Amino acid sequence: MDLLTLKNLLKFLSVIGVALGVFLMSAVAVGWFYKEEVMPFFLFVLGMLLVNGVVFVLLKNHRMRLSIKEGILSVNLVWVLLGIGGAVPLMLLTGVSGVDAFFESVSGFTTTGATIYTDIESLPKSMLYLRSLMHWLGGMGIIVLGVGLFSLINPSGSLALFKAESTGIKMEKHTPKIRDTALRLWGIYVLFTVVDMIALKVAGMGWFDAINHAFSTISTGGFSTRNASLGAFDSGWIIWITTVFMVLSGINFLAHLKLLSTGSTAGYRREEVVWYLLVFIALSVGLSLTDIFVDADSYSHALTHSFFTIASVLTTTGFATLDYAQWGHIAIAIIFVAMLVGGNAGSTAGGVKVIRYIVLFKNIMLQFTRILHPSAVVNVFIDRQKISSHIISSTTGFIFLFVMTNMLVTLYLFGRGYDAMTAVSTALATVGNIGPGFALTGPAENYAFFSNADKIILSFAMIVGRLEFYTVFLLFSRSFWKKF
């Protein structure tokens, strides 16, 4: 690695470090407000700001031009360093081990929502807020924030980072400049968070709970301030408000941006959004009918909790109102399907993403047509636009990597002695950034029982899933490091 590359990486990481330090100060302020002992936390954040600030000042005149390789390396470094940075205050103020704190921090920033804490309500308010804040920062992508901030300082190199971090089959820009797109997306993100927070407050939550759950909802993260998650509030209004905002957060944020900036609803008529909503409704109705006819619950109870559960799992949020692992085999099968789907590309949701299933299905239909009509000239079209063979092969490769990664994590957990349901669902819950699985990691359980080695493996599984495989696995390619 040459000196120029090192300067590029250090300057970008210093900007992210300063931005993170500023946000973490808000968690320190929460601790002071509630009269908690946060001096160690404050000193850590202050040190983070000083170190990163000094690095940035030393490199302020360096004109950064990130290649795509440097962008990919930066993204991987950021997510590992975020895990470490978020772990330190958890260690200082809650007394957990370094591995537990790293797992919790990675789970927070990747918006997975898996936790090692057995008693959430006993945590200091500053740490509850910090967990939700990590979700909120990771939801839209700390890199998108970094692109927006860094472009204000130095416009070069932002596109490489945006490509490395962006999720889905194709990177889109709403405005000619990446910086403007990133900042406008964050504007929509903040707006949704504020509206959700106010709605939850009006529905009966206190301000602290409302802020934390709005952070976790819009980021599709799933950390709660209560042991029983949303079920602790016993409010139909709160459940339905959260359901609506989870579904909205699972839609491509560019569709929201187009509506609010131009009044156009075209983004919501795209095939991916239509199929996403159809899948959500179909699975929710199916789970409701199962609840009504198998468990004999009332219509209102079944609809409320079934729509909430499917929204939570489909968008990979991970909230719970009831222990759905106890709903029977048909219900578990329906929820398992939701775990496999995910939200839209360009949303805060994790998982495979609906658009990839559309591409895969249409490509299969195309192959059928070619077999039956060898001379026919056919192509894959989505939203009346021809999809290139590059995107089709990339999508196929992604799904292979998704399956392979889940298989490896499943085999590891099964080899460690865990039952099949725990192994399979935990792999899917971490790689897909969902949070709760079934059996030992069900919605009423936590991840505290795993060994340190297990937690490290699962932590990196969350990062791999958050960065959508290619960005991480490229680091193991010899060609990536050649002529770096």
Protein backbone atom coordinates (compact mmCIF):
# COMPACT_ATOMS: atom_id res chain seq x y z
CA MET A 1 0.00 0.00 0.00
CA ASP A 2 1.56 3.29 -1.09
CA LEU A 3 1.56 6.56 0.84
CA LEU A 4 -1.15 8.12 -1.34
CA THR A 5 -3.55 5.26 -0.63
CA LEU A 6 -2.80 5.47 3.09
CA LYS A 7 -3.54 9.20 3.11
CA ASN A 8 -6.81 8.61 1.24
CA LEU A 9 -7.92 6.00 3.77
CA LEU A 10 -6.85 8.01 6.81
CA LYS A 11 -8.57 11.18 5.64
CA PHE A 12 -11.85 9.44 4.96
CA LEU A 13 -11.77 7.44 8.19
CA SER A 14 -10.99 10.60 10.15
CA VAL A 15 -14.09 12.31 8.73
CA ILE A 16 -16.22 9.33 9.71
CA GLY A 17 -14.58 9.29 13.13
CA VAL A 18 -15.31 12.96 13.77
CA ALA A 19 -18.92 12.57 12.58
CA LEU A 20 -19.39 9.51 14.81
CA GLY A 21 -17.87 11.32 17.78
CA VAL A 22 -20.30 14.22 17.38
CA PHE A 23 -23.26 11.83 17.35
CA LEU A 24 -21.92 9.88 20.34
CA MET A 25 -21.79 13.10 22.32
CA SER A 26 -25.58 13.12 22.18
CA ALA A 27 -25.53 9.79 24.08
CA VAL A 28 -23.24 11.40 26.66
CA ALA A 29 -25.75 14.26 26.95
CA VAL A 30 -28.55 11.73 27.57
CA GLY A 31 -26.52 10.25 30.41
CA TRP A 32 -25.93 13.67 31.96
CA PHE A 33 -29.64 14.49 31.63
CA TYR A 34 -30.56 11.35 33.58
CA LYS A 35 -27.71 11.98 36.08
CA GLU A 36 -25.78 8.84 35.16
CA GLU A 37 -22.04 8.35 35.57
CA VAL A 38 -20.83 8.92 32.00
CA MET A 39 -17.41 10.48 32.57
CA PRO A 40 -15.51 7.44 31.15
CA PHE A 41 -17.82 7.56 28.10
CA PHE A 42 -17.24 11.31 27.72
CA LEU A 43 -13.45 10.93 27.91
CA PHE A 44 -13.53 8.16 25.29
CA VAL A 45 -15.60 10.26 22.87
CA LEU A 46 -13.43 13.30 23.51
CA GLY A 47 -10.35 11.23 22.73
CA MET A 48 -11.98 9.94 19.55
CA LEU A 49 -12.76 13.49 18.42
CA LEU A 50 -9.23 14.71 19.20
CA VAL A 51 -7.43 11.86 17.43
CA ASN A 52 -9.60 11.97 14.32
CA GLY A 53 -9.64 15.75 14.33
CA VAL A 54 -5.83 15.90 14.40
CA VAL A 55 -5.57 13.38 11.53
CA PHE A 56 -8.03 15.38 9.46
CA VAL A 57 -6.27 18.69 10.11
CA LEU A 58 -2.93 17.16 9.11
CA LEU A 59 -4.47 15.90 5.86
CA LYS A 60 -6.84 18.80 5.17
CA ASN A 61 -4.88 19.90 2.09
CA HIS A 62 -4.64 16.36 0.71
CA ARG A 63 -6.96 16.00 -2.28
CA MET A 64 -8.54 12.59 -1.90
CA ARG A 65 -9.26 10.52 -5.00
CA LEU A 66 -10.55 7.10 -4.03
CA SER A 67 -10.35 4.28 -6.54
CA ILE A 68 -13.04 1.61 -6.35
CA LYS A 69 -10.53 -0.66 -4.56
CA GLU A 70 -9.83 2.02 -1.97
CA GLY A 71 -13.56 2.60 -1.58
CA ILE A 72 -14.16 -1.09 -0.91
CA LEU A 73 -11.30 -1.27 1.58
CA SER A 74 -12.56 1.90 3.32
CA VAL A 75 -16.05 0.48 3.69
CA ASN A 76 -14.78 -2.75 5.26
CA LEU A 77 -12.50 -0.86 7.63
CA VAL A 78 -15.32 1.48 8.65
CA TRP A 79 -17.65 -1.32 9.69
CA VAL A 80 -15.00 -3.11 11.73
CA LEU A 81 -13.90 0.15 13.38
CA LEU A 82 -17.53 1.07 14.07
CA GLY A 83 -17.92 -2.22 15.87
CA ILE A 84 -14.89 -1.43 18.03
CA GLY A 85 -15.87 2.21 18.57
CA GLY A 86 -19.38 1.30 19.68
CA ALA A 87 -18.10 -1.53 21.87
CA VAL A 88 -15.90 0.60 24.13
CA PRO A 89 -18.70 2.60 25.84
CA LEU A 90 -20.74 -0.60 26.24
CA MET A 91 -17.78 -2.16 28.03
CA LEU A 92 -17.20 0.94 30.17
CA LEU A 93 -20.79 1.47 31.31
CA THR A 94 -22.39 -1.98 31.28
CA GLY A 95 -19.43 -4.16 32.27
CA VAL A 96 -19.75 -6.70 29.44
CA SER A 97 -16.74 -8.40 27.87
CA GLY A 98 -15.00 -7.06 24.79
CA VAL A 99 -16.44 -9.80 22.58
CA ASP A 100 -20.00 -9.23 23.88
CA ALA A 101 -19.66 -5.49 23.40
CA PHE A 102 -18.30 -5.93 19.86
CA PHE A 103 -21.18 -8.26 18.98
CA GLU A 104 -23.75 -5.80 20.35
CA SER A 105 -22.10 -2.87 18.57
CA VAL A 106 -21.90 -4.66 15.22
CA SER A 107 -25.51 -5.78 15.65
CA GLY A 108 -26.42 -2.15 16.26
CA PHE A 109 -24.60 -0.56 13.34
CA THR A 110 -25.60 -3.30 10.89
CA THR A 111 -29.23 -2.85 12.08
CA THR A 112 -29.45 -6.56 12.90
CA GLY A 113 -30.92 -6.11 16.37
CA ALA A 114 -29.57 -9.32 17.93
CA THR A 115 -28.61 -8.66 21.54
CA ILE A 116 -26.48 -10.27 24.23
CA TYR A 117 -28.26 -8.41 27.06
CA THR A 118 -30.68 -10.53 29.11
CA ASP A 119 -32.24 -7.57 30.95
CA ILE A 120 -32.57 -4.58 28.61
CA GLU A 121 -34.47 -2.45 31.11
CA SER A 122 -31.61 -2.54 33.61
CA LEU A 123 -29.24 -0.75 31.21
CA PRO A 124 -28.40 2.95 31.74
CA LYS A 125 -30.50 5.33 29.65
CA SER A 126 -27.36 6.52 27.85
CA MET A 127 -26.64 2.96 26.71
CA LEU A 128 -30.22 2.33 25.61
CA TYR A 129 -30.01 5.50 23.57
CA LEU A 130 -26.57 4.53 22.22
CA ARG A 131 -27.90 1.18 20.98
CA SER A 132 -30.74 2.89 19.14
CA LEU A 133 -28.40 5.57 17.82
CA MET A 134 -26.10 2.92 16.36
CA HIS A 135 -29.11 1.54 14.49
CA TRP A 136 -30.07 4.96 13.23
CA LEU A 137 -26.58 5.76 11.95
CA GLY A 138 -26.15 2.37 10.34
CA GLY A 139 -29.61 2.34 8.80
CA MET A 140 -29.09 4.75 5.95
CA GLY A 141 -25.43 3.82 5.92
CA ILE A 142 -22.64 5.60 7.67
CA ILE A 143 -20.89 5.71 4.31
CA VAL A 144 -23.73 7.67 2.71
CA LEU A 145 -23.38 10.14 5.57
CA GLY A 146 -19.65 10.18 5.03
CA VAL A 147 -20.07 10.79 1.30
CA GLY A 148 -22.35 13.72 2.00
CA LEU A 149 -20.03 15.23 4.59
CA PHE A 150 -16.85 14.53 2.72
CA SER A 151 -18.18 15.95 -0.54
CA LEU A 152 -18.71 19.24 1.24
CA ILE A 153 -15.01 19.21 2.11
CA ASN A 154 -13.53 17.54 -0.96
CA PRO A 155 -15.73 16.36 -3.85
CA SER A 156 -13.30 13.78 -5.27
CA GLY A 157 -13.70 10.08 -4.66
CA SER A 158 -17.28 10.05 -3.36
CA LEU A 159 -18.67 7.92 -6.17
CA ALA A 160 -16.34 5.02 -5.35
CA LEU A 161 -17.56 4.98 -1.75
CA PHE A 162 -21.19 5.26 -2.75
CA LYS A 163 -20.80 2.29 -5.10
CA ALA A 164 -19.04 0.25 -2.43
CA GLU A 165 -21.75 0.89 0.16
CA SER A 166 -24.92 1.02 -1.96
CA THR A 167 -27.25 -1.97 -1.82
CA GLY A 168 -29.35 -3.50 -4.55
CA ILE A 169 -28.72 -4.39 -8.17
CA LYS A 170 -28.00 -0.92 -9.50
CA MET A 171 -26.76 2.32 -8.00
CA GLU A 172 -29.11 5.26 -8.61
CA LYS A 173 -28.62 8.98 -8.28
CA HIS A 174 -31.56 11.32 -7.86
CA THR A 175 -29.40 14.40 -8.46
CA PRO A 176 -26.31 14.91 -10.65
CA LYS A 177 -24.07 15.08 -7.58
CA ILE A 178 -23.66 12.13 -5.22
CA ARG A 179 -23.29 14.55 -2.32
CA ASP A 180 -26.70 16.10 -2.98
CA THR A 181 -28.35 12.69 -3.29
CA ALA A 182 -26.78 11.52 -0.03
CA LEU A 183 -27.80 14.62 1.89
CA ARG A 184 -31.35 14.61 0.53
CA LEU A 185 -31.75 10.96 1.46
CA TRP A 186 -30.64 11.79 4.97
CA GLY A 187 -33.15 14.64 5.00
CA ILE A 188 -35.97 12.17 4.24
CA TYR A 189 -34.54 9.80 6.83
CA VAL A 190 -34.59 12.49 9.52
CA LEU A 191 -38.10 13.57 8.52
CA PHE A 192 -39.48 10.03 8.82
CA THR A 193 -37.76 9.62 12.19
CA VAL A 194 -39.27 12.83 13.59
CA VAL A 195 -42.78 12.03 12.30
CA ASP A 196 -42.61 8.49 13.70
CA MET A 197 -41.34 9.79 17.05
CA ILE A 198 -44.18 12.31 17.35
CA ALA A 199 -46.77 9.71 16.33
CA LEU A 200 -45.51 7.28 18.97
CA LYS A 201 -45.57 10.01 21.60
CA VAL A 202 -49.16 10.91 20.71
CA ALA A 203 -50.06 7.19 20.88
CA GLY A 204 -48.90 7.00 24.50
CA MET A 205 -45.13 6.44 24.60
CA GLY A 206 -42.90 8.66 26.72
CA TRP A 207 -40.43 10.84 24.83
CA PHE A 208 -37.44 8.64 25.62
CA ASP A 209 -39.14 5.46 24.40
CA ALA A 210 -40.54 7.28 21.37
CA ILE A 211 -37.12 8.59 20.29
CA ASN A 212 -35.46 5.20 20.69
CA HIS A 213 -38.16 3.24 18.91
CA ALA A 214 -38.32 5.78 16.08
CA PHE A 215 -34.56 5.35 15.61
CA SER A 216 -34.93 1.56 15.57
CA THR A 217 -38.00 1.56 13.33
CA ILE A 218 -36.83 3.86 10.53
CA SER A 219 -33.44 2.10 10.47
CA THR A 220 -35.24 -1.29 10.49
CA GLY A 221 -32.97 -2.25 13.37
CA GLY A 222 -35.10 -3.68 16.16
CA PHE A 223 -33.38 -2.71 19.42
CA SER A 224 -35.98 -1.77 22.04
CA THR A 225 -35.86 -0.14 25.45
CA ARG A 226 -38.04 -2.90 26.89
CA ASN A 227 -37.44 -6.60 27.51
CA ALA A 228 -40.75 -7.44 25.83
CA SER A 229 -40.01 -5.15 22.87
CA LEU A 230 -43.16 -3.43 21.51
CA GLY A 231 -45.31 -5.95 23.37
CA ALA A 232 -44.51 -4.10 26.62
CA PHE A 233 -46.68 -1.14 25.60
CA ASP A 234 -49.88 -3.15 25.02
CA SER A 235 -51.20 -0.57 22.57
CA GLY A 236 -52.81 -1.29 19.22
CA TRP A 237 -52.09 2.25 18.07
CA ILE A 238 -48.37 1.93 18.80
CA ILE A 239 -48.23 -1.42 17.02
CA TRP A 240 -49.99 -0.13 13.89
CA ILE A 241 -47.93 3.08 13.76
CA THR A 242 -44.74 1.02 13.96
CA THR A 243 -46.07 -1.38 11.32
CA VAL A 244 -46.70 1.47 8.88
CA PHE A 245 -43.28 3.02 9.39
CA MET A 246 -41.51 -0.34 9.10
CA VAL A 247 -43.22 -0.93 5.76
CA LEU A 248 -42.33 2.59 4.58
CA SER A 249 -38.71 2.09 5.64
CA GLY A 250 -38.56 -1.11 3.61
CA ILE A 251 -39.34 0.85 0.42
CA ASN A 252 -36.57 2.38 -1.69
CA PHE A 253 -35.94 5.81 -0.14
CA LEU A 254 -35.50 7.29 -3.62
CA ALA A 255 -39.25 6.71 -4.13
CA HIS A 256 -39.95 8.79 -1.01
CA LEU A 257 -37.46 11.41 -2.19
CA LYS A 258 -39.12 11.72 -5.60
CA LEU A 259 -42.54 12.12 -4.01
CA LEU A 260 -41.46 14.80 -1.55
CA SER A 261 -39.21 16.71 -3.96
CA THR A 262 -41.26 16.54 -7.17
CA GLY A 263 -44.67 15.20 -6.15
CA SER A 264 -44.16 12.19 -8.42
CA THR A 265 -45.55 8.82 -7.33
CA ALA A 266 -43.69 6.98 -10.09
CA GLY A 267 -41.28 5.47 -7.57
CA TYR A 268 -44.11 3.63 -5.85
CA ARG A 269 -45.32 2.13 -9.14
CA ARG A 270 -42.06 0.35 -9.83
CA GLU A 271 -42.25 -3.42 -10.01
CA GLU A 272 -40.13 -3.94 -6.93
CA VAL A 273 -42.35 -1.77 -4.72
CA VAL A 274 -45.55 -3.35 -6.08
CA TRP A 275 -44.28 -6.88 -5.48
CA TYR A 276 -42.92 -5.93 -2.06
CA LEU A 277 -46.34 -4.67 -0.98
CA LEU A 278 -48.12 -7.68 -2.51
CA VAL A 279 -45.81 -10.09 -0.68
CA PHE A 280 -46.31 -8.15 2.56
CA ILE A 281 -50.11 -8.26 2.25
CA ALA A 282 -50.21 -11.92 1.17
CA LEU A 283 -47.99 -13.13 4.02
CA SER A 284 -49.78 -10.93 6.56
CA VAL A 285 -53.20 -12.21 5.52
CA GLY A 286 -51.91 -15.79 5.51
CA LEU A 287 -50.51 -15.41 9.04
CA SER A 288 -53.73 -13.74 10.20
CA LEU A 289 -55.86 -16.60 8.88
CA THR A 290 -53.56 -19.09 10.57
CA ASP A 291 -53.89 -17.20 13.83
CA ILE A 292 -57.68 -17.04 13.53
CA PHE A 293 -58.44 -20.62 12.47
CA VAL A 294 -55.61 -22.52 14.19
CA ASP A 295 -55.12 -20.52 17.38
CA ALA A 296 -58.72 -19.21 17.54
CA ASP A 297 -57.66 -15.61 18.24
CA SER A 298 -59.98 -12.66 17.58
CA TYR A 299 -59.91 -10.93 14.20
CA SER A 300 -58.48 -7.69 15.59
CA HIS A 301 -55.79 -9.48 17.60
CA ALA A 302 -54.79 -11.66 14.66
CA LEU A 303 -54.64 -8.80 12.15
CA THR A 304 -52.74 -6.47 14.46
CA HIS A 305 -50.02 -8.90 15.50
CA SER A 306 -49.77 -10.74 12.17
CA PHE A 307 -49.33 -7.59 10.06
CA PHE A 308 -46.84 -6.28 12.62
CA THR A 309 -44.86 -9.53 12.69
CA ILE A 310 -44.63 -9.85 8.90
CA ALA A 311 -43.63 -6.17 8.58
CA SER A 312 -40.98 -6.68 11.25
CA VAL A 313 -39.50 -9.82 9.69
CA LEU A 314 -39.92 -8.83 6.02
CA THR A 315 -38.12 -5.52 6.56
CA THR A 316 -35.55 -7.27 8.80
CA THR A 317 -36.43 -4.97 11.72
CA GLY A 318 -36.82 -7.66 14.35
CA PHE A 319 -39.34 -6.09 16.75
CA ALA A 320 -41.79 -8.44 18.44
CA THR A 321 -45.11 -8.11 20.22
CA LEU A 322 -45.57 -11.80 20.95
CA ASP A 323 -43.40 -14.90 20.86
CA TYR A 324 -44.31 -15.93 17.32
CA ALA A 325 -42.10 -19.01 17.65
CA GLN A 326 -45.02 -20.51 19.64
CA TRP A 327 -47.62 -19.99 16.89
CA GLY A 328 -47.30 -23.42 15.30
CA HIS A 329 -45.63 -24.89 12.24
CA ILE A 330 -47.73 -23.18 9.58
CA ALA A 331 -47.12 -19.76 11.13
CA ILE A 332 -43.39 -20.46 11.43
CA ALA A 333 -43.28 -21.50 7.77
CA ILE A 334 -44.95 -18.22 6.72
CA ILE A 335 -42.58 -16.16 8.88
CA PHE A 336 -39.62 -18.10 7.49
CA VAL A 337 -40.65 -17.08 3.97
CA ALA A 338 -40.68 -13.44 5.11
CA MET A 339 -37.16 -13.89 6.49
CA LEU A 340 -35.98 -14.98 3.04
CA VAL A 341 -37.44 -12.01 1.15
CA GLY A 342 -36.20 -8.71 2.62
CA GLY A 343 -37.17 -5.19 1.59
CA ASN A 344 -36.40 -3.00 -1.42
CA ALA A 345 -33.00 -2.06 -2.75
CA GLY A 346 -32.20 1.44 -1.54
CA SER A 347 -34.13 0.95 1.71
CA THR A 348 -32.79 0.46 5.21
CA ALA A 349 -33.96 -3.17 5.17
CA GLY A 350 -31.57 -6.08 4.82
CA GLY A 351 -32.06 -9.49 3.26
CA VAL A 352 -31.92 -10.58 -0.36
CA LYS A 353 -34.16 -7.69 -1.58
CA VAL A 354 -37.31 -8.14 -3.68
CA ILE A 355 -35.71 -6.80 -6.87
CA ARG A 356 -33.26 -9.69 -6.98
CA TYR A 357 -36.08 -12.23 -6.86
CA ILE A 358 -37.78 -10.39 -9.72
CA VAL A 359 -34.60 -10.49 -11.81
CA LEU A 360 -34.03 -14.17 -10.97
CA PHE A 361 -37.62 -15.18 -11.78
CA LYS A 362 -37.69 -13.26 -15.06
CA ASN A 363 -34.35 -14.76 -16.06
CA ILE A 364 -35.69 -18.26 -15.38
CA MET A 365 -38.74 -17.49 -17.55
CA LEU A 366 -36.40 -16.19 -20.25
CA GLN A 367 -34.43 -19.45 -20.17
CA PHE A 368 -37.66 -21.44 -20.54
CA THR A 369 -38.54 -19.33 -23.59
CA ARG A 370 -35.10 -19.87 -25.14
CA ILE A 371 -35.38 -23.63 -24.66
CA LEU A 372 -38.81 -23.74 -26.33
CA HIS A 373 -37.93 -21.15 -29.01
CA PRO A 374 -34.16 -21.34 -29.70
CA SER A 375 -34.31 -18.69 -32.42
CA ALA A 376 -36.23 -16.15 -30.39
CA VAL A 377 -34.51 -12.91 -29.37
CA VAL A 378 -35.66 -12.25 -25.82
CA ASN A 379 -34.43 -10.11 -22.95
CA VAL A 380 -35.25 -9.39 -19.32
CA PHE A 381 -37.19 -6.17 -18.79
CA ILE A 382 -38.01 -4.49 -15.47
CA ASP A 383 -40.10 -1.33 -15.44
CA ARG A 384 -39.89 -1.42 -19.26
CA GLN A 385 -36.12 -1.14 -19.15
CA LYS A 386 -33.84 -3.81 -20.50
CA ILE A 387 -31.70 -5.41 -17.83
CA SER A 388 -28.11 -6.01 -18.88
CA SER A 389 -26.49 -9.43 -18.70
CA HIS A 390 -24.02 -7.90 -16.21
CA ILE A 391 -26.82 -7.17 -13.73
CA ILE A 392 -28.35 -10.62 -14.24
CA SER A 393 -25.03 -12.37 -13.58
CA SER A 394 -24.35 -10.09 -10.60
CA THR A 395 -27.77 -10.93 -9.14
CA THR A 396 -27.23 -14.65 -9.65
CA GLY A 397 -23.82 -14.37 -8.01
CA PHE A 398 -25.28 -12.47 -5.06
CA ILE A 399 -27.91 -15.12 -4.40
CA PHE A 400 -25.23 -17.83 -4.61
CA LEU A 401 -23.08 -15.95 -2.08
CA PHE A 402 -26.13 -15.43 0.17
CA VAL A 403 -26.92 -19.15 0.13
CA MET A 404 -23.26 -20.15 0.54
CA THR A 405 -22.68 -17.78 3.48
CA ASN A 406 -25.83 -18.97 5.22
CA MET A 407 -24.83 -22.56 4.61
CA LEU A 408 -21.35 -22.03 6.08
CA VAL A 409 -22.70 -20.29 9.19
CA THR A 410 -25.38 -22.96 9.58
CA LEU A 411 -22.83 -25.78 9.30
CA TYR A 412 -20.58 -24.04 11.81
CA LEU A 413 -23.40 -23.66 14.36
CA PHE A 414 -24.70 -27.19 13.75
CA GLY A 415 -21.16 -28.53 14.15
CA ARG A 416 -20.94 -26.67 17.46
CA GLY A 417 -23.85 -28.77 18.71
CA TYR A 418 -26.86 -26.47 18.26
CA ASP A 419 -30.10 -27.93 16.95
CA ALA A 420 -30.98 -27.59 13.26
CA MET A 421 -33.66 -24.91 13.70
CA THR A 422 -31.38 -22.76 15.84
CA ALA A 423 -28.48 -23.18 13.39
CA VAL A 424 -30.49 -22.43 10.24
CA SER A 425 -32.55 -19.55 11.62
CA THR A 426 -29.62 -17.93 13.43
CA ALA A 427 -27.54 -17.99 10.25
CA LEU A 428 -30.38 -16.39 8.32
CA ALA A 429 -31.10 -13.91 11.13
CA THR A 430 -27.49 -12.66 11.27
CA VAL A 431 -26.51 -12.82 7.59
CA GLY A 432 -29.87 -11.28 6.65
CA ASN A 433 -29.56 -8.67 9.45
CA ILE A 434 -32.94 -9.71 10.87
CA GLY A 435 -32.07 -10.27 14.54
CA PRO A 436 -34.36 -12.88 16.06
CA GLY A 437 -34.54 -16.38 14.64
CA PHE A 438 -36.27 -19.45 16.04
CA ALA A 439 -35.64 -21.99 18.82
CA LEU A 440 -32.73 -20.75 21.01
CA THR A 441 -32.61 -17.36 19.24
CA GLY A 442 -36.36 -16.81 18.99
CA PRO A 443 -38.04 -13.43 19.59
CA ALA A 444 -38.27 -14.08 23.33
CA GLU A 445 -34.61 -15.13 23.58
CA ASN A 446 -31.19 -13.49 23.12
CA TYR A 447 -27.67 -14.33 21.95
CA ALA A 448 -25.93 -14.27 25.34
CA PHE A 449 -25.48 -18.06 25.51
CA PHE A 450 -23.18 -18.26 22.49
CA SER A 451 -19.45 -18.72 23.10
CA ASN A 452 -16.97 -15.95 22.32
CA ALA A 453 -15.92 -17.74 19.13
CA ASP A 454 -19.56 -18.05 18.07
CA LYS A 455 -20.17 -14.35 18.67
CA ILE A 456 -17.14 -13.33 16.63
CA ILE A 457 -18.25 -15.53 13.71
CA LEU A 458 -21.80 -14.16 13.93
CA SER A 459 -20.50 -10.58 14.17
CA PHE A 460 -18.65 -10.93 10.89
CA ALA A 461 -21.67 -12.70 9.39
CA MET A 462 -23.66 -9.55 10.16
CA ILE A 463 -21.04 -7.33 8.52
CA VAL A 464 -20.88 -9.57 5.44
CA GLY A 465 -24.65 -9.45 5.10
CA ARG A 466 -24.79 -5.69 5.66
CA LEU A 467 -22.21 -5.07 2.92
CA GLU A 468 -23.91 -7.58 0.61
CA PHE A 469 -21.10 -10.11 0.21
CA TYR A 470 -19.18 -8.86 -2.83
CA THR A 471 -17.67 -5.93 -0.92
CA VAL A 472 -16.26 -8.27 1.74
CA PHE A 473 -15.39 -11.35 -0.30
CA LEU A 474 -13.45 -9.23 -2.78
CA LEU A 475 -10.85 -8.77 -0.04
CA PHE A 476 -10.04 -12.49 -0.35
CA SER A 477 -9.34 -12.16 -4.06
CA ARG A 478 -5.71 -12.08 -5.11
CA SER A 479 -6.59 -9.74 -7.97
CA PHE A 480 -7.95 -7.19 -5.49
CA TRP A 481 -4.54 -6.73 -3.85
CA LYS A 482 -2.60 -6.93 -7.08
CA LYS A 483 -1.18 -3.50 -7.99
CA PHE A 484 -2.99 -1.98 -5.03
